[in-house]
Protein backbone atom coordinates (compact mmCIF):
# COMPACT_ATOMS: atom_id res chain seq x y z
CA MET A 1 91.01 -40.83 44.88
CA LYS A 2 92.58 -38.35 47.30
CA ASP A 3 95.73 -39.66 45.96
CA LYS A 4 94.80 -39.19 42.35
CA ILE A 5 93.73 -34.92 43.59
CA ILE A 6 97.13 -34.81 45.76
CA ALA A 7 99.17 -36.48 42.12
CA THR A 8 97.09 -33.83 39.90
CA VAL A 9 98.10 -31.35 42.16
CA VAL A 10 101.48 -31.76 42.06
CA ILE A 11 102.00 -32.47 38.03
CA LEU A 12 100.16 -28.85 37.59
CA LEU A 13 102.45 -26.94 39.95
CA ILE A 14 105.59 -28.50 37.93
CA ALA A 15 103.83 -27.83 34.47
CA VAL A 16 103.40 -24.12 36.11
CA PHE A 17 106.81 -23.47 37.52
CA THR A 18 107.75 -24.91 34.07
CA TYR A 19 106.41 -22.23 32.01
CA LEU A 20 107.03 -19.72 34.34
CA MET A 21 110.91 -20.66 33.89
CA VAL A 22 110.58 -21.06 30.23
CA TYR A 23 108.72 -17.67 30.05
CA ALA A 24 111.95 -15.45 32.02
CA VAL A 25 114.44 -17.38 29.85
CA TRP A 26 112.20 -16.28 26.16
CA GLN A 27 112.19 -12.41 27.98
CA GLU A 28 115.49 -12.40 29.23
CA SER A 29 116.38 -13.39 25.74
CA THR A 30 114.59 -10.83 23.51
CA SER A 31 115.15 -7.81 25.81
CA PRO A 32 116.84 -4.71 24.57
CA LYS A 33 120.33 -5.27 24.38
CA MET A 34 123.32 -2.41 25.01
CA GLU A 35 126.37 -2.44 24.15
CA LEU A 36 128.92 -0.06 25.39
CA ASN A 37 132.84 0.12 23.68
CA LYS A 38 135.48 0.84 26.19
CA SER A 39 137.84 2.52 23.90
CA GLU A 40 134.78 5.43 24.00
CA TRP A 41 135.35 6.12 27.90
CA GLU A 42 137.68 7.78 29.59
CA CYS A 43 138.27 7.62 33.64
CA VAL A 44 138.01 10.50 35.64
CA LYS A 45 137.77 9.67 39.30
CA THR A 46 138.78 7.10 41.03
CA GLU A 47 139.54 5.59 44.85
CA THR A 48 140.84 3.03 46.88
CA ARG A 49 139.08 -0.26 47.74
CA ILE A 50 140.94 -2.12 50.34
CA THR A 51 139.61 -5.50 50.03
CA ASN A 52 141.57 -8.83 52.46
CA VAL A 53 143.75 -11.57 51.18
CA ILE A 54 144.51 -15.08 52.31
CA ILE A 55 148.15 -14.54 52.17
CA GLY A 56 150.31 -17.21 53.33
CA GLY A 57 147.67 -18.33 56.23
CA LYS A 58 147.02 -14.14 56.99
CA LEU A 59 144.51 -12.04 56.07
CA MET A 60 146.77 -9.24 54.35
CA PRO A 61 144.63 -5.75 53.53
CA GLN A 62 145.39 -4.75 49.81
CA SER A 63 144.76 -1.60 47.99
CA ASN A 64 143.46 -1.46 44.45
CA GLN A 65 142.58 1.93 42.43
CA GLU A 66 139.01 1.52 40.77
CA CYS A 67 137.28 3.85 38.49
CA VAL A 68 133.88 5.00 40.58
CA GLU A 69 133.09 7.72 37.46
CA TYR A 70 133.35 7.59 33.07
CA LYS A 71 133.22 10.54 30.77
CA ARG A 72 133.02 9.53 27.44
CA ASN A 73 135.52 10.87 25.06
């Protein structure tokens, strides 16, 4: 009797979890999307970002210019 109750609770939890996952995927697929065209924007402010890269077994700093602010054309 006790095993039957535990099995029922486990099945119920799996069903609820599955329902919540399906609902979350459905919500994401039906949410409104917005698209931006890269050609309509220009970079107005850049910053130097330093990342560490392993080259030949040594950790070497590498700097990159990354845009941090855009303005619409």
